[in-house]
Full PDB file with SEQRES, HELIX, SHEET, SSBOND, CRYST1, ORIGX, SCALE, CONECT and MASTER records, all heavy atoms in Angstrom:
SEQRES   1 A   42  ASN SER ILE SER LEU PRO GLY PHE ARG LYS GLY LYS ALA          
SEQRES   2 A   42  PRO ARG LYS LEU ILE GLU SER GLU PHE GLY PRO GLU VAL          
SEQRES   3 A   42  PHE TYR ASP ASP ALA VAL ASN TYR ILE LEU ASN GLN GLU          
SEQRES   4 A   42  TYR GLU LYS                                                  
HELIX    1 AA1 ARG A   15  PHE A   22  1                                   8    
HELIX    2 AA2 PRO A   24  PHE A   27  5                                   4    
HELIX    3 AA3 TYR A   28  GLU A   39  1                                  12    
CRYST1    1.000    1.000    1.000  90.00  90.00  90.00 P 1           1          
ORIGX1      1.000000  0.000000  0.000000        0.00000                         
ORIGX2      0.000000  1.000000  0.000000        0.00000                         
ORIGX3      0.000000  0.000000  1.000000        0.00000                         
SCALE1      1.000000  0.000000  0.000000        0.00000                         
SCALE2      0.000000  1.000000  0.000000        0.00000                         
SCALE3      0.000000  0.000000  1.000000        0.00000                         
ATOM      1  N   ASN A   1     -27.344  11.361 -38.297  1.00  0.00           N  
ATOM      2  CA  ASN A   1     -27.049  12.612 -37.663  1.00  0.00           C  
ATOM      3  C   ASN A   1     -28.251  13.361 -37.110  1.00  0.00           C  
ATOM      4  O   ASN A   1     -28.139  14.290 -36.404  1.00  0.00           O  
ATOM      5  CB  ASN A   1     -26.364  13.535 -38.620  1.00  0.00           C  
ATOM      6  CG  ASN A   1     -24.965  13.053 -38.933  1.00  0.00           C  
ATOM      7  OD1 ASN A   1     -24.304  12.430 -38.064  1.00  0.00           O  
ATOM      8  ND2 ASN A   1     -24.446  13.356 -40.146  1.00  0.00           N  
ATOM      9  N   SER A   2     -29.486  12.859 -37.527  1.00  0.00           N  
ATOM     10  CA  SER A   2     -30.734  13.492 -37.051  1.00  0.00           C  
ATOM     11  C   SER A   2     -31.441  12.619 -35.999  1.00  0.00           C  
ATOM     12  O   SER A   2     -32.560  12.990 -35.545  1.00  0.00           O  
ATOM     13  CB  SER A   2     -31.674  13.715 -38.244  1.00  0.00           C  
ATOM     14  OG  SER A   2     -32.067  12.478 -38.872  1.00  0.00           O  
ATOM     15  N   ILE A   3     -30.854  11.510 -35.614  1.00  0.00           N  
ATOM     16  CA  ILE A   3     -31.416  10.604 -34.637  1.00  0.00           C  
ATOM     17  C   ILE A   3     -30.697  10.751 -33.266  1.00  0.00           C  
ATOM     18  O   ILE A   3     -29.440  10.682 -33.217  1.00  0.00           O  
ATOM     19  CB  ILE A   3     -31.400   9.172 -35.110  1.00  0.00           C  
ATOM     20  CG1 ILE A   3     -32.264   9.052 -36.420  1.00  0.00           C  
ATOM     21  CG2 ILE A   3     -31.937   8.188 -34.027  1.00  0.00           C  
ATOM     22  CD1 ILE A   3     -32.185   7.684 -37.080  1.00  0.00           C  
ATOM     23  N   SER A   4     -31.480  10.898 -32.262  1.00  0.00           N  
ATOM     24  CA  SER A   4     -30.869  11.072 -30.862  1.00  0.00           C  
ATOM     25  C   SER A   4     -31.217   9.776 -30.013  1.00  0.00           C  
ATOM     26  O   SER A   4     -32.414   9.377 -30.040  1.00  0.00           O  
ATOM     27  CB  SER A   4     -31.393  12.262 -30.164  1.00  0.00           C  
ATOM     28  OG  SER A   4     -31.070  13.454 -30.855  1.00  0.00           O  
ATOM     29  N   LEU A   5     -30.203   9.301 -29.387  1.00  0.00           N  
ATOM     30  CA  LEU A   5     -30.442   8.249 -28.367  1.00  0.00           C  
ATOM     31  C   LEU A   5     -29.707   8.655 -27.057  1.00  0.00           C  
ATOM     32  O   LEU A   5     -28.655   9.230 -27.081  1.00  0.00           O  
ATOM     33  CB  LEU A   5     -29.830   6.887 -28.866  1.00  0.00           C  
ATOM     34  CG  LEU A   5     -30.642   6.131 -29.839  1.00  0.00           C  
ATOM     35  CD1 LEU A   5     -29.954   4.824 -30.147  1.00  0.00           C  
ATOM     36  CD2 LEU A   5     -32.035   5.802 -29.291  1.00  0.00           C  
ATOM     37  N   PRO A   6     -30.335   8.346 -25.903  1.00  0.00           N  
ATOM     38  CA  PRO A   6     -29.744   8.640 -24.714  1.00  0.00           C  
ATOM     39  C   PRO A   6     -28.264   8.062 -24.557  1.00  0.00           C  
ATOM     40  O   PRO A   6     -28.149   6.916 -24.836  1.00  0.00           O  
ATOM     41  CB  PRO A   6     -30.645   8.106 -23.572  1.00  0.00           C  
ATOM     42  CG  PRO A   6     -32.011   8.032 -24.303  1.00  0.00           C  
ATOM     43  CD  PRO A   6     -31.693   7.740 -25.659  1.00  0.00           C  
ATOM     44  N   GLY A   7     -27.331   8.942 -24.162  1.00  0.00           N  
ATOM     45  CA  GLY A   7     -25.984   8.415 -23.947  1.00  0.00           C  
ATOM     46  C   GLY A   7     -25.152   8.514 -25.208  1.00  0.00           C  
ATOM     47  O   GLY A   7     -23.884   8.208 -25.106  1.00  0.00           O  
ATOM     48  N   PHE A   8     -25.745   8.972 -26.286  1.00  0.00           N  
ATOM     49  CA  PHE A   8     -24.858   9.104 -27.525  1.00  0.00           C  
ATOM     50  C   PHE A   8     -25.118  10.545 -28.139  1.00  0.00           C  
ATOM     51  O   PHE A   8     -26.240  11.025 -28.176  1.00  0.00           O  
ATOM     52  CB  PHE A   8     -25.412   8.040 -28.593  1.00  0.00           C  
ATOM     53  CG  PHE A   8     -25.134   6.643 -28.282  1.00  0.00           C  
ATOM     54  CD1 PHE A   8     -26.096   5.943 -27.552  1.00  0.00           C  
ATOM     55  CD2 PHE A   8     -23.849   6.037 -28.483  1.00  0.00           C  
ATOM     56  CE1 PHE A   8     -25.852   4.534 -27.220  1.00  0.00           C  
ATOM     57  CE2 PHE A   8     -23.632   4.676 -28.140  1.00  0.00           C  
ATOM     58  CZ  PHE A   8     -24.630   3.978 -27.451  1.00  0.00           C  
ATOM     59  N   ARG A   9     -24.014  11.096 -28.604  1.00  0.00           N  
ATOM     60  CA  ARG A   9     -24.100  12.312 -29.374  1.00  0.00           C  
ATOM     61  C   ARG A   9     -24.800  11.963 -30.659  1.00  0.00           C  
ATOM     62  O   ARG A   9     -24.727  10.861 -31.254  1.00  0.00           O  
ATOM     63  CB  ARG A   9     -22.777  12.910 -29.571  1.00  0.00           C  
ATOM     64  CG  ARG A   9     -22.141  13.612 -28.344  1.00  0.00           C  
ATOM     65  CD  ARG A   9     -20.761  14.175 -28.621  1.00  0.00           C  
ATOM     66  NE  ARG A   9     -19.808  13.099 -28.978  1.00  0.00           N  
ATOM     67  CZ  ARG A   9     -18.889  13.133 -29.918  1.00  0.00           C  
ATOM     68  NH1 ARG A   9     -18.879  14.227 -30.742  1.00  0.00           N  
ATOM     69  NH2 ARG A   9     -18.035  12.185 -30.104  1.00  0.00           N  
ATOM     70  N   LYS A  10     -25.389  12.993 -31.282  1.00  0.00           N  
ATOM     71  CA  LYS A  10     -26.003  12.791 -32.671  1.00  0.00           C  
ATOM     72  C   LYS A  10     -25.002  12.303 -33.604  1.00  0.00           C  
ATOM     73  O   LYS A  10     -23.950  12.801 -33.760  1.00  0.00           O  
ATOM     74  CB  LYS A  10     -26.645  14.138 -33.182  1.00  0.00           C  
ATOM     75  CG  LYS A  10     -28.028  14.386 -32.603  1.00  0.00           C  
ATOM     76  CD  LYS A  10     -28.656  15.617 -33.303  1.00  0.00           C  
ATOM     77  CE  LYS A  10     -30.071  15.902 -32.710  1.00  0.00           C  
ATOM     78  NZ  LYS A  10     -30.750  16.935 -33.379  1.00  0.00           N  
ATOM     79  N   GLY A  11     -25.440  11.285 -34.389  1.00  0.00           N  
ATOM     80  CA  GLY A  11     -24.580  10.745 -35.425  1.00  0.00           C  
ATOM     81  C   GLY A  11     -23.673   9.615 -34.863  1.00  0.00           C  
ATOM     82  O   GLY A  11     -22.989   8.966 -35.690  1.00  0.00           O  
ATOM     83  N   LYS A  12     -23.691   9.350 -33.579  1.00  0.00           N  
ATOM     84  CA  LYS A  12     -22.824   8.307 -32.976  1.00  0.00           C  
ATOM     85  C   LYS A  12     -23.566   7.096 -32.523  1.00  0.00           C  
ATOM     86  O   LYS A  12     -22.859   6.085 -32.211  1.00  0.00           O  
ATOM     87  CB  LYS A  12     -22.018   8.916 -31.807  1.00  0.00           C  
ATOM     88  CG  LYS A  12     -21.076  10.150 -32.187  1.00  0.00           C  
ATOM     89  CD  LYS A  12     -20.039   9.704 -33.193  1.00  0.00           C  
ATOM     90  CE  LYS A  12     -19.059  10.762 -33.555  1.00  0.00           C  
ATOM     91  NZ  LYS A  12     -18.130  10.448 -34.606  1.00  0.00           N  
ATOM     92  N   ALA A  13     -24.847   7.096 -32.541  1.00  0.00           N  
ATOM     93  CA  ALA A  13     -25.613   5.943 -32.037  1.00  0.00           C  
ATOM     94  C   ALA A  13     -25.470   4.800 -33.086  1.00  0.00           C  
ATOM     95  O   ALA A  13     -25.613   4.987 -34.294  1.00  0.00           O  
ATOM     96  CB  ALA A  13     -27.097   6.287 -31.919  1.00  0.00           C  
ATOM     97  N   PRO A  14     -25.130   3.538 -32.649  1.00  0.00           N  
ATOM     98  CA  PRO A  14     -25.002   2.402 -33.589  1.00  0.00           C  
ATOM     99  C   PRO A  14     -26.385   2.069 -34.247  1.00  0.00           C  
ATOM    100  O   PRO A  14     -27.395   2.335 -33.614  1.00  0.00           O  
ATOM    101  CB  PRO A  14     -24.576   1.292 -32.664  1.00  0.00           C  
ATOM    102  CG  PRO A  14     -23.952   1.955 -31.398  1.00  0.00           C  
ATOM    103  CD  PRO A  14     -24.689   3.182 -31.262  1.00  0.00           C  
ATOM    104  N   ARG A  15     -26.320   1.600 -35.402  1.00  0.00           N  
ATOM    105  CA  ARG A  15     -27.518   1.245 -36.082  1.00  0.00           C  
ATOM    106  C   ARG A  15     -28.319   0.241 -35.344  1.00  0.00           C  
ATOM    107  O   ARG A  15     -29.572   0.309 -35.417  1.00  0.00           O  
ATOM    108  CB  ARG A  15     -27.066   0.704 -37.482  1.00  0.00           C  
ATOM    109  CG  ARG A  15     -28.263   0.317 -38.336  1.00  0.00           C  
ATOM    110  CD  ARG A  15     -27.862  -0.214 -39.734  1.00  0.00           C  
ATOM    111  NE  ARG A  15     -28.642  -1.252 -40.141  1.00  0.00           N  
ATOM    112  CZ  ARG A  15     -28.464  -2.078 -41.117  1.00  0.00           C  
ATOM    113  NH1 ARG A  15     -27.254  -1.990 -41.800  1.00  0.00           N  
ATOM    114  NH2 ARG A  15     -29.340  -3.076 -41.507  1.00  0.00           N  
ATOM    115  N   LYS A  16     -27.696  -0.780 -34.781  1.00  0.00           N  
ATOM    116  CA  LYS A  16     -28.501  -1.850 -34.070  1.00  0.00           C  
ATOM    117  C   LYS A  16     -29.251  -1.249 -32.938  1.00  0.00           C  
ATOM    118  O   LYS A  16     -30.430  -1.672 -32.716  1.00  0.00           O  
ATOM    119  CB  LYS A  16     -27.477  -2.942 -33.575  1.00  0.00           C  
ATOM    120  CG  LYS A  16     -27.001  -3.817 -34.706  1.00  0.00           C  
ATOM    121  CD  LYS A  16     -26.168  -4.910 -34.076  1.00  0.00           C  
ATOM    122  CE  LYS A  16     -25.703  -5.938 -35.210  1.00  0.00           C  
ATOM    123  NZ  LYS A  16     -24.868  -6.982 -34.595  1.00  0.00           N  
ATOM    124  N   LEU A  17     -28.656  -0.333 -32.219  1.00  0.00           N  
ATOM    125  CA  LEU A  17     -29.448   0.305 -31.101  1.00  0.00           C  
ATOM    126  C   LEU A  17     -30.651   1.124 -31.617  1.00  0.00           C  
ATOM    127  O   LEU A  17     -31.733   1.158 -30.989  1.00  0.00           O  
ATOM    128  CB  LEU A  17     -28.426   1.130 -30.270  1.00  0.00           C  
ATOM    129  CG  LEU A  17     -27.451   0.379 -29.406  1.00  0.00           C  
ATOM    130  CD1 LEU A  17     -26.647   1.360 -28.572  1.00  0.00           C  
ATOM    131  CD2 LEU A  17     -28.200  -0.530 -28.441  1.00  0.00           C  
ATOM    132  N   ILE A  18     -30.399   1.858 -32.773  1.00  0.00           N  
ATOM    133  CA  ILE A  18     -31.503   2.664 -33.313  1.00  0.00           C  
ATOM    134  C   ILE A  18     -32.594   1.784 -33.754  1.00  0.00           C  
ATOM    135  O   ILE A  18     -33.798   2.051 -33.488  1.00  0.00           O  
ATOM    136  CB  ILE A  18     -30.948   3.478 -34.538  1.00  0.00           C  
ATOM    137  CG1 ILE A  18     -29.913   4.502 -34.079  1.00  0.00           C  
ATOM    138  CG2 ILE A  18     -32.107   4.210 -35.211  1.00  0.00           C  
ATOM    139  CD1 ILE A  18     -29.240   5.250 -35.161  1.00  0.00           C  
ATOM    140  N   GLU A  19     -32.247   0.600 -34.378  1.00  0.00           N  
ATOM    141  CA  GLU A  19     -33.314  -0.273 -34.850  1.00  0.00           C  
ATOM    142  C   GLU A  19     -34.007  -0.986 -33.716  1.00  0.00           C  
ATOM    143  O   GLU A  19     -35.239  -1.242 -33.783  1.00  0.00           O  
ATOM    144  CB  GLU A  19     -32.686  -1.381 -35.792  1.00  0.00           C  
ATOM    145  CG  GLU A  19     -32.262  -0.796 -37.087  1.00  0.00           C  
ATOM    146  CD  GLU A  19     -31.648  -1.907 -37.991  1.00  0.00           C  
ATOM    147  OE1 GLU A  19     -31.546  -2.992 -37.622  1.00  0.00           O  
ATOM    148  OE2 GLU A  19     -31.264  -1.562 -39.232  1.00  0.00           O  
ATOM    149  N   SER A  20     -33.216  -1.178 -32.580  1.00  0.00           N  
ATOM    150  CA  SER A  20     -33.874  -1.765 -31.414  1.00  0.00           C  
ATOM    151  C   SER A  20     -34.837  -0.830 -30.764  1.00  0.00           C  
ATOM    152  O   SER A  20     -35.875  -1.212 -30.254  1.00  0.00           O  
ATOM    153  CB  SER A  20     -32.705  -2.139 -30.384  1.00  0.00           C  
ATOM    154  OG  SER A  20     -33.354  -2.614 -29.253  1.00  0.00           O  
ATOM    155  N   GLU A  21     -34.512   0.459 -30.781  1.00  0.00           N  
ATOM    156  CA  GLU A  21     -35.302   1.460 -30.167  1.00  0.00           C  
ATOM    157  C   GLU A  21     -36.575   1.835 -31.026  1.00  0.00           C  
ATOM    158  O   GLU A  21     -37.650   1.888 -30.516  1.00  0.00           O  
ATOM    159  CB  GLU A  21     -34.461   2.701 -29.923  1.00  0.00           C  
ATOM    160  CG  GLU A  21     -35.185   3.934 -29.282  1.00  0.00           C  
ATOM    161  CD  GLU A  21     -35.554   3.683 -27.828  1.00  0.00           C  
ATOM    162  OE1 GLU A  21     -34.922   2.807 -27.130  1.00  0.00           O  
ATOM    163  OE2 GLU A  21     -36.457   4.328 -27.236  1.00  0.00           O  
ATOM    164  N   PHE A  22     -36.285   2.034 -32.305  1.00  0.00           N  
ATOM    165  CA  PHE A  22     -37.404   2.485 -33.140  1.00  0.00           C  
ATOM    166  C   PHE A  22     -38.019   1.407 -34.133  1.00  0.00           C  
ATOM    167  O   PHE A  22     -38.937   1.660 -34.758  1.00  0.00           O  
ATOM    168  CB  PHE A  22     -36.937   3.659 -33.961  1.00  0.00           C  
ATOM    169  CG  PHE A  22     -36.452   4.875 -33.234  1.00  0.00           C  
ATOM    170  CD1 PHE A  22     -35.089   5.174 -32.994  1.00  0.00           C  
ATOM    171  CD2 PHE A  22     -37.411   5.704 -32.516  1.00  0.00           C  
ATOM    172  CE1 PHE A  22     -34.651   6.261 -32.221  1.00  0.00           C  
ATOM    173  CE2 PHE A  22     -36.967   6.785 -31.776  1.00  0.00           C  
ATOM    174  CZ  PHE A  22     -35.614   7.019 -31.546  1.00  0.00           C  
ATOM    175  N   GLY A  23     -37.266   0.270 -34.150  1.00  0.00           N  
ATOM    176  CA  GLY A  23     -37.602  -0.687 -35.113  1.00  0.00           C  
ATOM    177  C   GLY A  23     -36.891  -0.462 -36.454  1.00  0.00           C  
ATOM    178  O   GLY A  23     -36.661   0.634 -36.864  1.00  0.00           O  
ATOM    179  N   PRO A  24     -36.632  -1.593 -37.175  1.00  0.00           N  
ATOM    180  CA  PRO A  24     -35.914  -1.387 -38.459  1.00  0.00           C  
ATOM    181  C   PRO A  24     -36.640  -0.656 -39.434  1.00  0.00           C  
ATOM    182  O   PRO A  24     -36.154  -0.092 -40.442  1.00  0.00           O  
ATOM    183  CB  PRO A  24     -35.660  -2.923 -38.897  1.00  0.00           C  
ATOM    184  CG  PRO A  24     -36.724  -3.686 -38.245  1.00  0.00           C  
ATOM    185  CD  PRO A  24     -36.911  -2.994 -36.860  1.00  0.00           C  
ATOM    186  N   GLU A  25     -38.025  -0.528 -39.291  1.00  0.00           N  
ATOM    187  CA  GLU A  25     -38.920   0.218 -40.156  1.00  0.00           C  
ATOM    188  C   GLU A  25     -38.489   1.691 -40.292  1.00  0.00           C  
ATOM    189  O   GLU A  25     -38.798   2.334 -41.341  1.00  0.00           O  
ATOM    190  CB  GLU A  25     -40.335   0.146 -39.688  1.00  0.00           C  
ATOM    191  CG  GLU A  25     -40.954  -1.203 -39.693  1.00  0.00           C  
ATOM    192  CD  GLU A  25     -40.652  -1.951 -38.464  1.00  0.00           C  
ATOM    193  OE1 GLU A  25     -39.910  -1.379 -37.557  1.00  0.00           O  
ATOM    194  OE2 GLU A  25     -41.057  -3.175 -38.356  1.00  0.00           O  
ATOM    195  N   VAL A  26     -37.658   2.171 -39.362  1.00  0.00           N  
ATOM    196  CA  VAL A  26     -37.223   3.571 -39.398  1.00  0.00           C  
ATOM    197  C   VAL A  26     -36.425   3.854 -40.670  1.00  0.00           C  
ATOM    198  O   VAL A  26     -36.336   4.989 -41.133  1.00  0.00           O  
ATOM    199  CB  VAL A  26     -36.474   4.005 -38.176  1.00  0.00           C  
ATOM    200  CG1 VAL A  26     -35.125   3.321 -38.061  1.00  0.00           C  
ATOM    201  CG2 VAL A  26     -36.363   5.493 -37.960  1.00  0.00           C  
ATOM    202  N   PHE A  27     -35.766   2.797 -41.153  1.00  0.00           N  
ATOM    203  CA  PHE A  27     -34.847   2.979 -42.342  1.00  0.00           C  
ATOM    204  C   PHE A  27     -35.476   2.419 -43.705  1.00  0.00           C  
ATOM    205  O   PHE A  27     -34.833   2.553 -44.688  1.00  0.00           O  
ATOM    206  CB  PHE A  27     -33.517   2.267 -42.090  1.00  0.00           C  
ATOM    207  CG  PHE A  27     -32.753   2.804 -40.979  1.00  0.00           C  
ATOM    208  CD1 PHE A  27     -32.220   2.005 -40.010  1.00  0.00           C  
ATOM    209  CD2 PHE A  27     -32.467   4.152 -40.927  1.00  0.00           C  
ATOM    210  CE1 PHE A  27     -31.529   2.501 -38.911  1.00  0.00           C  
ATOM    211  CE2 PHE A  27     -31.705   4.704 -39.890  1.00  0.00           C  
ATOM    212  CZ  PHE A  27     -31.210   3.876 -38.870  1.00  0.00           C  
ATOM    213  N   TYR A  28     -36.650   1.836 -43.618  1.00  0.00           N  
ATOM    214  CA  TYR A  28     -37.230   1.182 -44.734  1.00  0.00           C  
ATOM    215  C   TYR A  28     -37.413   2.128 -45.912  1.00  0.00           C  
ATOM    216  O   TYR A  28     -37.103   1.823 -47.047  1.00  0.00           O  
ATOM    217  CB  TYR A  28     -38.591   0.502 -44.367  1.00  0.00           C  
ATOM    218  CG  TYR A  28     -38.435  -0.869 -43.689  1.00  0.00           C  
ATOM    219  CD1 TYR A  28     -39.503  -1.547 -43.293  1.00  0.00           C  
ATOM    220  CD2 TYR A  28     -37.140  -1.375 -43.524  1.00  0.00           C  
ATOM    221  CE1 TYR A  28     -39.324  -2.809 -42.709  1.00  0.00           C  
ATOM    222  CE2 TYR A  28     -36.974  -2.662 -42.881  1.00  0.00           C  
ATOM    223  CZ  TYR A  28     -38.121  -3.333 -42.424  1.00  0.00           C  
ATOM    224  OH  TYR A  28     -37.910  -4.567 -41.855  1.00  0.00           O  
ATOM    225  N   ASP A  29     -38.053   3.327 -45.689  1.00  0.00           N  
ATOM    226  CA  ASP A  29     -38.356   4.188 -46.867  1.00  0.00           C  
ATOM    227  C   ASP A  29     -37.151   4.546 -47.651  1.00  0.00           C  
ATOM    228  O   ASP A  29     -37.124   4.442 -48.853  1.00  0.00           O  
ATOM    229  CB  ASP A  29     -38.938   5.466 -46.353  1.00  0.00           C  
ATOM    230  CG  ASP A  29     -40.493   5.224 -46.009  1.00  0.00           C  
ATOM    231  OD1 ASP A  29     -41.051   4.136 -46.357  1.00  0.00           O  
ATOM    232  OD2 ASP A  29     -41.122   6.119 -45.426  1.00  0.00           O  
ATOM    233  N   ASP A  30     -36.088   4.937 -46.940  1.00  0.00           N  
ATOM    234  CA  ASP A  30     -34.846   5.395 -47.623  1.00  0.00           C  
ATOM    235  C   ASP A  30     -34.163   4.174 -48.233  1.00  0.00           C  
ATOM    236  O   ASP A  30     -33.505   4.226 -49.341  1.00  0.00           O  
ATOM    237  CB  ASP A  30     -33.947   6.164 -46.617  1.00  0.00           C  
ATOM    238  CG  ASP A  30     -34.370   7.628 -46.414  1.00  0.00           C  
ATOM    239  OD1 ASP A  30     -34.944   8.253 -47.391  1.00  0.00           O  
ATOM    240  OD2 ASP A  30     -34.232   7.989 -45.317  1.00  0.00           O  
ATOM    241  N   ALA A  31     -34.185   3.038 -47.583  1.00  0.00           N  
ATOM    242  CA  ALA A  31     -33.609   1.812 -48.135  1.00  0.00           C  
ATOM    243  C   ALA A  31     -34.252   1.417 -49.383  1.00  0.00           C  
ATOM    244  O   ALA A  31     -33.599   1.054 -50.429  1.00  0.00           O  
ATOM    245  CB  ALA A  31     -33.641   0.673 -47.071  1.00  0.00           C  
ATOM    246  N   VAL A  32     -35.589   1.457 -49.439  1.00  0.00           N  
ATOM    247  CA  VAL A  32     -36.367   1.115 -50.522  1.00  0.00           C  
ATOM    248  C   VAL A  32     -36.108   2.030 -51.730  1.00  0.00           C  
ATOM    249  O   VAL A  32     -35.920   1.505 -52.918  1.00  0.00           O  
ATOM    250  CB  VAL A  32     -37.905   0.971 -50.248  1.00  0.00           C  
ATOM    251  CG1 VAL A  32     -38.726   1.048 -51.515  1.00  0.00           C  
ATOM    252  CG2 VAL A  32     -38.182  -0.182 -49.393  1.00  0.00           C  
ATOM    253  N   ASN A  33     -36.045   3.284 -51.462  1.00  0.00           N  
ATOM    254  CA  ASN A  33     -35.763   4.244 -52.556  1.00  0.00           C  
ATOM    255  C   ASN A  33     -34.343   4.093 -53.070  1.00  0.00           C  
ATOM    256  O   ASN A  33     -34.109   4.218 -54.309  1.00  0.00           O  
ATOM    257  CB  ASN A  33     -35.894   5.724 -51.976  1.00  0.00           C  
ATOM    258  CG  ASN A  33     -37.362   6.111 -51.828  1.00  0.00           C  
ATOM    259  OD1 ASN A  33     -38.208   5.616 -52.492  1.00  0.00           O  
ATOM    260  ND2 ASN A  33     -37.592   7.007 -50.865  1.00  0.00           N  
ATOM    261  N   TYR A  34     -33.379   3.760 -52.206  1.00  0.00           N  
ATOM    262  CA  TYR A  34     -32.077   3.494 -52.667  1.00  0.00           C  
ATOM    263  C   TYR A  34     -32.028   2.276 -53.636  1.00  0.00           C  
ATOM    264  O   TYR A  34     -31.341   2.419 -54.646  1.00  0.00           O  
ATOM    265  CB  TYR A  34     -31.114   3.230 -51.410  1.00  0.00           C  
ATOM    266  CG  TYR A  34     -29.724   2.784 -51.784  1.00  0.00           C  
ATOM    267  CD1 TYR A  34     -28.769   3.756 -52.092  1.00  0.00           C  
ATOM    268  CD2 TYR A  34     -29.408   1.400 -51.768  1.00  0.00           C  
ATOM    269  CE1 TYR A  34     -27.470   3.318 -52.511  1.00  0.00           C  
ATOM    270  CE2 TYR A  34     -28.078   1.000 -52.198  1.00  0.00           C  
ATOM    271  CZ  TYR A  34     -27.129   1.946 -52.469  1.00  0.00           C  
ATOM    272  OH  TYR A  34     -25.840   1.556 -52.801  1.00  0.00           O  
ATOM    273  N   ILE A  35     -32.649   1.177 -53.232  1.00  0.00           N  
ATOM    274  CA  ILE A  35     -32.688   0.070 -54.097  1.00  0.00           C  
ATOM    275  C   ILE A  35     -33.292   0.278 -55.335  1.00  0.00           C  
ATOM    276  O   ILE A  35     -32.908  -0.121 -56.521  1.00  0.00           O  
ATOM    277  CB  ILE A  35     -33.376  -1.150 -53.347  1.00  0.00           C  
ATOM    278  CG1 ILE A  35     -32.539  -1.493 -52.099  1.00  0.00           C  
ATOM    279  CG2 ILE A  35     -33.358  -2.368 -54.266  1.00  0.00           C  
ATOM    280  CD1 ILE A  35     -33.315  -2.459 -51.170  1.00  0.00           C  
ATOM    281  N   LEU A  36     -34.467   1.033 -55.341  1.00  0.00           N  
ATOM    282  CA  LEU A  36     -35.236   1.389 -56.559  1.00  0.00           C  
ATOM    283  C   LEU A  36     -34.437   2.123 -57.519  1.00  0.00           C  
ATOM    284  O   LEU A  36     -34.416   1.907 -58.745  1.00  0.00           O  
ATOM    285  CB  LEU A  36     -36.479   2.163 -56.167  1.00  0.00           C  
ATOM    286  CG  LEU A  36     -37.464   2.257 -57.239  1.00  0.00           C  
ATOM    287  CD1 LEU A  36     -38.110   1.000 -57.627  1.00  0.00           C  
ATOM    288  CD2 LEU A  36     -38.633   3.322 -56.751  1.00  0.00           C  
ATOM    289  N   ASN A  37     -33.655   3.176 -56.977  1.00  0.00           N  
ATOM    290  CA  ASN A  37     -32.766   3.959 -57.851  1.00  0.00           C  
ATOM    291  C   ASN A  37     -31.644   3.056 -58.563  1.00  0.00           C  
ATOM    292  O   ASN A  37     -31.283   3.371 -59.571  1.00  0.00           O  
ATOM    293  CB  ASN A  37     -32.130   5.086 -57.077  1.00  0.00           C  
ATOM    294  CG  ASN A  37     -33.085   6.192 -56.717  1.00  0.00           C  
ATOM    295  OD1 ASN A  37     -34.166   6.342 -57.371  1.00  0.00           O  
ATOM    296  ND2 ASN A  37     -32.848   6.896 -55.569  1.00  0.00           N  
ATOM    297  N   GLN A  38     -31.265   2.083 -57.784  1.00  0.00           N  
ATOM    298  CA  GLN A  38     -30.148   1.189 -58.340  1.00  0.00           C  
ATOM    299  C   GLN A  38     -30.725   0.213 -59.389  1.00  0.00           C  
ATOM    300  O   GLN A  38     -30.065  -0.115 -60.369  1.00  0.00           O  
ATOM    301  CB  GLN A  38     -29.554   0.405 -57.171  1.00  0.00           C  
ATOM    302  CG  GLN A  38     -28.851   1.231 -56.106  1.00  0.00           C  
ATOM    303  CD  GLN A  38     -27.606   1.839 -56.601  1.00  0.00           C  
ATOM    304  OE1 GLN A  38     -26.813   1.264 -57.299  1.00  0.00           O  
ATOM    305  NE2 GLN A  38     -27.402   3.170 -56.320  1.00  0.00           N  
ATOM    306  N   GLU A  39     -31.958  -0.258 -59.176  1.00  0.00           N  
ATOM    307  CA  GLU A  39     -32.428  -1.386 -59.980  1.00  0.00           C  
ATOM    308  C   GLU A  39     -33.530  -1.046 -60.944  1.00  0.00           C  
ATOM    309  O   GLU A  39     -33.807  -1.927 -61.837  1.00  0.00           O  
ATOM    310  CB  GLU A  39     -32.876  -2.433 -58.995  1.00  0.00           C  
ATOM    311  CG  GLU A  39     -31.838  -2.917 -57.995  1.00  0.00           C  
ATOM    312  CD  GLU A  39     -30.608  -3.531 -58.701  1.00  0.00           C  
ATOM    313  OE1 GLU A  39     -30.752  -4.031 -59.870  1.00  0.00           O  
ATOM    314  OE2 GLU A  39     -29.510  -3.564 -58.109  1.00  0.00           O  
ATOM    315  N   TYR A  40     -34.238   0.001 -60.873  1.00  0.00           N  
ATOM    316  CA  TYR A  40     -35.447   0.284 -61.631  1.00  0.00           C  
ATOM    317  C   TYR A  40     -35.128   0.280 -63.177  1.00  0.00           C  
ATOM    318  O   TYR A  40     -35.726  -0.418 -63.930  1.00  0.00           O  
ATOM    319  CB  TYR A  40     -36.099   1.585 -61.214  1.00  0.00           C  
ATOM    320  CG  TYR A  40     -37.239   2.051 -62.141  1.00  0.00           C  
ATOM    321  CD1 TYR A  40     -38.469   1.363 -62.107  1.00  0.00           C  
ATOM    322  CD2 TYR A  40     -37.020   3.100 -62.994  1.00  0.00           C  
ATOM    323  CE1 TYR A  40     -39.441   1.797 -62.956  1.00  0.00           C  
ATOM    324  CE2 TYR A  40     -38.117   3.503 -63.802  1.00  0.00           C  
ATOM    325  CZ  TYR A  40     -39.315   2.832 -63.832  1.00  0.00           C  
ATOM    326  OH  TYR A  40     -40.341   3.244 -64.642  1.00  0.00           O  
ATOM    327  N   GLU A  41     -34.167   1.067 -63.502  1.00  0.00           N  
ATOM    328  CA  GLU A  41     -33.773   1.225 -64.955  1.00  0.00           C  
ATOM    329  C   GLU A  41     -33.310  -0.187 -65.549  1.00  0.00           C  
ATOM    330  O   GLU A  41     -33.729  -0.536 -66.651  1.00  0.00           O  
ATOM    331  CB  GLU A  41     -32.668   2.202 -65.206  1.00  0.00           C  
ATOM    332  CG  GLU A  41     -33.023   3.689 -64.913  1.00  0.00           C  
ATOM    333  CD  GLU A  41     -34.119   4.181 -65.905  1.00  0.00           C  
ATOM    334  OE1 GLU A  41     -34.243   3.643 -67.001  1.00  0.00           O  
ATOM    335  OE2 GLU A  41     -34.834   5.104 -65.563  1.00  0.00           O  
ATOM    336  N   LYS A  42     -32.603  -0.925 -64.772  1.00  0.00           N  
ATOM    337  CA  LYS A  42     -32.186  -2.274 -65.199  1.00  0.00           C  
ATOM    338  C   LYS A  42     -33.394  -3.180 -65.388  1.00  0.00           C  
ATOM    339  O   LYS A  42     -33.402  -3.963 -66.443  1.00  0.00           O  
ATOM    340  CB  LYS A  42     -31.213  -2.877 -64.151  1.00  0.00           C  
ATOM    341  CG  LYS A  42     -29.899  -2.162 -63.878  1.00  0.00           C  
ATOM    342  CD  LYS A  42     -29.161  -2.874 -62.837  1.00  0.00           C  
ATOM    343  CE  LYS A  42     -27.951  -2.050 -62.366  1.00  0.00           C  
ATOM    344  NZ  LYS A  42     -27.253  -2.669 -61.191  1.00  0.00           N  
TER     345      LYS A  42                                                      
MASTER        0    0    0    3    0    0    0    6  344    1    0    4          
END                                                                             
């Protein structure tokens, strides 16, 4: 909802297009934190 791509309203841009435009690295920090929260205690 905070990412804008030409031709798409906020929140409607497909993930593949976002990753193509900005690189998959754009999601790495939050993805890593999500996994860490799931697996660290275990």
